[in-house]
N, C-alpha and C. Protein backbone atom coordinates (compact mmCIF):
# COMPACT_ATOMS: atom_id res chain seq x y z
N MET A 1 6.58 -14.66 -6.70
CA MET A 1 5.37 -15.39 -6.44
C MET A 1 4.23 -14.43 -6.06
N ILE A 2 3.10 -14.67 -6.64
CA ILE A 2 1.93 -13.80 -6.39
C ILE A 2 1.01 -14.44 -5.32
N ASP A 3 0.68 -13.61 -4.34
CA ASP A 3 -0.21 -14.03 -3.27
C ASP A 3 -1.58 -14.30 -3.87
N PRO A 4 -2.14 -15.50 -3.77
CA PRO A 4 -3.43 -15.79 -4.36
C PRO A 4 -4.56 -14.93 -3.78
N PHE A 5 -4.49 -14.54 -2.52
CA PHE A 5 -5.50 -13.69 -1.94
C PHE A 5 -5.48 -12.26 -2.55
N ALA A 6 -4.27 -11.74 -2.74
CA ALA A 6 -4.11 -10.44 -3.38
C ALA A 6 -4.62 -10.48 -4.81
N LEU A 7 -4.31 -11.52 -5.49
CA LEU A 7 -4.78 -11.66 -6.90
C LEU A 7 -6.29 -11.80 -6.96
N ALA A 8 -6.89 -12.50 -6.04
CA ALA A 8 -8.35 -12.65 -5.99
C ALA A 8 -8.99 -11.29 -5.69
N GLU A 9 -8.43 -10.53 -4.76
CA GLU A 9 -8.95 -9.22 -4.48
C GLU A 9 -8.91 -8.28 -5.66
N CYS A 10 -7.86 -8.36 -6.43
CA CYS A 10 -7.72 -7.58 -7.66
C CYS A 10 -8.75 -8.01 -8.67
N ASN A 11 -8.98 -9.29 -8.84
CA ASN A 11 -9.93 -9.81 -9.81
C ASN A 11 -11.35 -9.33 -9.47
N VAL A 12 -11.71 -9.36 -8.20
CA VAL A 12 -13.01 -8.91 -7.72
C VAL A 12 -13.19 -7.45 -8.06
N PHE A 13 -12.14 -6.63 -7.69
CA PHE A 13 -12.18 -5.21 -7.91
C PHE A 13 -12.30 -4.90 -9.39
N ASN A 14 -11.57 -5.61 -10.21
CA ASN A 14 -11.61 -5.36 -11.69
C ASN A 14 -12.98 -5.70 -12.29
N ARG A 15 -13.64 -6.66 -11.77
CA ARG A 15 -15.00 -7.01 -12.27
C ARG A 15 -15.99 -5.89 -11.86
N LYS A 16 -15.88 -5.42 -10.63
CA LYS A 16 -16.78 -4.36 -10.15
C LYS A 16 -16.45 -2.98 -10.61
N CYS A 17 -15.15 -2.73 -10.89
CA CYS A 17 -14.72 -1.39 -11.20
C CYS A 17 -13.79 -1.38 -12.47
N PRO A 18 -14.35 -1.50 -13.64
CA PRO A 18 -13.47 -1.42 -14.81
C PRO A 18 -12.85 -0.04 -14.95
N VAL A 19 -11.82 0.07 -15.76
CA VAL A 19 -11.11 1.35 -15.94
C VAL A 19 -12.16 2.44 -16.29
N GLY A 20 -12.04 3.56 -15.59
CA GLY A 20 -12.94 4.68 -15.83
C GLY A 20 -14.03 4.76 -14.75
N THR A 21 -14.09 3.82 -13.86
CA THR A 21 -15.10 3.80 -12.76
C THR A 21 -14.83 4.95 -11.84
N ARG A 22 -15.94 5.65 -11.46
CA ARG A 22 -15.82 6.73 -10.49
C ARG A 22 -15.59 6.16 -9.09
N VAL A 23 -14.65 6.74 -8.36
CA VAL A 23 -14.32 6.22 -7.04
C VAL A 23 -14.06 7.38 -6.07
N SER A 24 -14.14 7.07 -4.79
CA SER A 24 -13.75 7.91 -3.72
C SER A 24 -12.46 7.32 -3.14
N VAL A 25 -11.52 8.16 -2.92
CA VAL A 25 -10.20 7.69 -2.48
C VAL A 25 -9.84 8.39 -1.12
N GLU A 26 -9.49 7.57 -0.15
CA GLU A 26 -9.11 8.11 1.14
C GLU A 26 -7.61 8.37 1.16
N ARG A 27 -7.25 9.56 1.54
CA ARG A 27 -5.81 9.96 1.70
C ARG A 27 -5.32 9.45 3.03
N GLU A 28 -3.97 9.56 3.20
CA GLU A 28 -3.36 9.14 4.41
C GLU A 28 -3.83 9.91 5.63
N ASP A 29 -4.24 11.19 5.45
CA ASP A 29 -4.71 12.02 6.54
C ASP A 29 -6.20 11.83 6.85
N GLY A 30 -6.86 10.94 6.14
CA GLY A 30 -8.25 10.65 6.41
C GLY A 30 -9.23 11.43 5.51
N THR A 31 -8.77 12.43 4.79
CA THR A 31 -9.64 13.17 3.90
C THR A 31 -9.87 12.32 2.61
N ARG A 32 -10.92 12.69 1.88
CA ARG A 32 -11.23 11.90 0.64
C ARG A 32 -11.23 12.85 -0.53
N PHE A 33 -11.00 12.26 -1.70
CA PHE A 33 -11.12 12.97 -2.96
C PHE A 33 -11.77 12.02 -3.94
N TYR A 34 -12.34 12.63 -4.98
CA TYR A 34 -13.05 11.86 -6.01
C TYR A 34 -12.23 11.78 -7.23
N ALA A 35 -12.24 10.59 -7.91
CA ALA A 35 -11.42 10.30 -9.08
C ALA A 35 -12.05 9.21 -9.89
N ALA A 36 -11.33 8.77 -10.89
CA ALA A 36 -11.78 7.64 -11.69
C ALA A 36 -10.57 6.73 -11.78
N THR A 37 -10.86 5.42 -11.87
CA THR A 37 -9.79 4.49 -12.07
C THR A 37 -9.14 4.69 -13.46
N ARG A 38 -7.81 4.57 -13.51
CA ARG A 38 -7.17 4.70 -14.82
C ARG A 38 -6.30 3.47 -15.15
N SER A 39 -6.49 2.41 -14.38
CA SER A 39 -5.81 1.14 -14.66
C SER A 39 -6.68 0.05 -14.05
N GLN A 40 -6.34 -1.19 -14.39
CA GLN A 40 -6.93 -2.32 -13.65
C GLN A 40 -6.10 -2.42 -12.38
N ALA A 41 -6.67 -3.12 -11.41
CA ALA A 41 -5.92 -3.39 -10.14
C ALA A 41 -4.97 -4.51 -10.40
N TRP A 42 -3.85 -4.49 -9.71
CA TRP A 42 -2.85 -5.54 -9.81
C TRP A 42 -2.19 -5.66 -8.43
N PRO A 43 -1.60 -6.90 -8.16
CA PRO A 43 -0.88 -7.07 -6.91
C PRO A 43 0.52 -6.57 -7.00
N LEU A 44 0.77 -5.40 -6.48
CA LEU A 44 2.11 -4.83 -6.51
C LEU A 44 3.07 -5.69 -5.70
N ALA A 45 4.21 -5.99 -6.31
CA ALA A 45 5.20 -6.88 -5.67
C ALA A 45 4.59 -8.25 -5.35
N GLY A 46 3.49 -8.56 -5.99
CA GLY A 46 2.82 -9.85 -5.82
C GLY A 46 1.95 -9.95 -4.56
N VAL A 47 1.96 -8.88 -3.72
CA VAL A 47 1.23 -8.98 -2.44
C VAL A 47 0.29 -7.87 -2.09
N CYS A 48 0.44 -6.67 -2.68
CA CYS A 48 -0.30 -5.53 -2.24
C CYS A 48 -1.23 -5.07 -3.38
N PRO A 49 -2.54 -5.29 -3.28
CA PRO A 49 -3.48 -4.91 -4.33
C PRO A 49 -3.57 -3.40 -4.48
N VAL A 50 -3.28 -2.88 -5.69
CA VAL A 50 -3.28 -1.45 -5.94
C VAL A 50 -3.98 -1.14 -7.27
N VAL A 51 -4.32 0.15 -7.42
CA VAL A 51 -4.91 0.67 -8.68
C VAL A 51 -4.47 2.07 -8.85
N MET A 52 -4.40 2.51 -10.11
CA MET A 52 -4.09 3.93 -10.42
C MET A 52 -5.37 4.70 -10.62
N VAL A 53 -5.38 5.98 -10.14
CA VAL A 53 -6.56 6.80 -10.26
C VAL A 53 -6.18 8.12 -10.86
N THR A 54 -7.17 8.79 -11.45
CA THR A 54 -6.91 10.11 -12.05
C THR A 54 -6.49 11.10 -11.00
N GLY A 55 -5.64 12.01 -11.36
CA GLY A 55 -5.20 13.07 -10.47
C GLY A 55 -4.03 12.65 -9.55
N GLU A 56 -3.58 11.44 -9.66
CA GLU A 56 -2.50 10.91 -8.78
C GLU A 56 -1.44 10.34 -9.65
N LEU A 57 -0.20 10.59 -9.36
CA LEU A 57 0.93 9.98 -10.10
C LEU A 57 1.19 8.55 -9.74
N GLY A 58 1.05 8.25 -8.46
CA GLY A 58 1.28 6.87 -8.01
C GLY A 58 0.01 6.05 -7.94
N MET A 59 0.08 4.95 -7.29
CA MET A 59 -1.03 4.12 -7.15
C MET A 59 -1.60 4.16 -5.73
N ARG A 60 -2.80 3.64 -5.57
CA ARG A 60 -3.49 3.59 -4.29
C ARG A 60 -3.85 2.18 -3.95
N THR A 61 -3.74 1.82 -2.71
CA THR A 61 -4.12 0.46 -2.28
C THR A 61 -5.68 0.34 -2.35
N LEU A 62 -6.12 -0.84 -2.66
CA LEU A 62 -7.55 -1.00 -2.89
C LEU A 62 -8.37 -0.75 -1.61
N ASN A 63 -7.77 -0.93 -0.47
CA ASN A 63 -8.51 -0.66 0.79
C ASN A 63 -8.83 0.83 1.01
N CYS A 64 -8.21 1.69 0.17
CA CYS A 64 -8.48 3.15 0.24
C CYS A 64 -9.43 3.64 -0.84
N VAL A 65 -9.87 2.69 -1.72
CA VAL A 65 -10.62 3.09 -2.91
C VAL A 65 -12.04 2.51 -2.81
N THR A 66 -13.09 3.34 -2.97
CA THR A 66 -14.47 2.88 -2.91
C THR A 66 -15.20 3.33 -4.16
N LYS A 67 -15.89 2.42 -4.78
CA LYS A 67 -16.70 2.76 -5.94
C LYS A 67 -17.87 3.63 -5.49
N ILE A 68 -18.20 4.68 -6.31
CA ILE A 68 -19.30 5.52 -6.00
C ILE A 68 -20.31 5.51 -7.21
N ALA A 69 -21.56 5.69 -6.93
CA ALA A 69 -22.55 5.67 -7.97
C ALA A 69 -22.50 6.95 -8.86
N LYS A 70 -22.24 8.11 -8.24
CA LYS A 70 -22.22 9.32 -9.01
C LYS A 70 -21.30 10.31 -8.32
N MET A 71 -20.66 11.12 -9.15
CA MET A 71 -19.74 12.13 -8.62
C MET A 71 -20.54 13.23 -7.91
N PRO A 72 -20.18 13.65 -6.75
CA PRO A 72 -20.85 14.77 -6.07
C PRO A 72 -20.68 16.08 -6.83
N ASP A 73 -21.58 16.97 -6.67
CA ASP A 73 -21.53 18.27 -7.35
C ASP A 73 -20.46 19.15 -6.69
């Protein structure tokens, strides 16, 4: 069963951030890195909204991913 709130969060993210969108990603230690989305968001196990980003093998939860207007130099 898919949590409707998780699915709604994914749908909003996917409208705002199509595949290839530049994002800032917060790591577990609080540092950030810049990447681009390489998948649409989906509710992992039906409950945890996640997305895949460049430079990472796994996925990141949406609460750690922020759309940015432009990549820093």
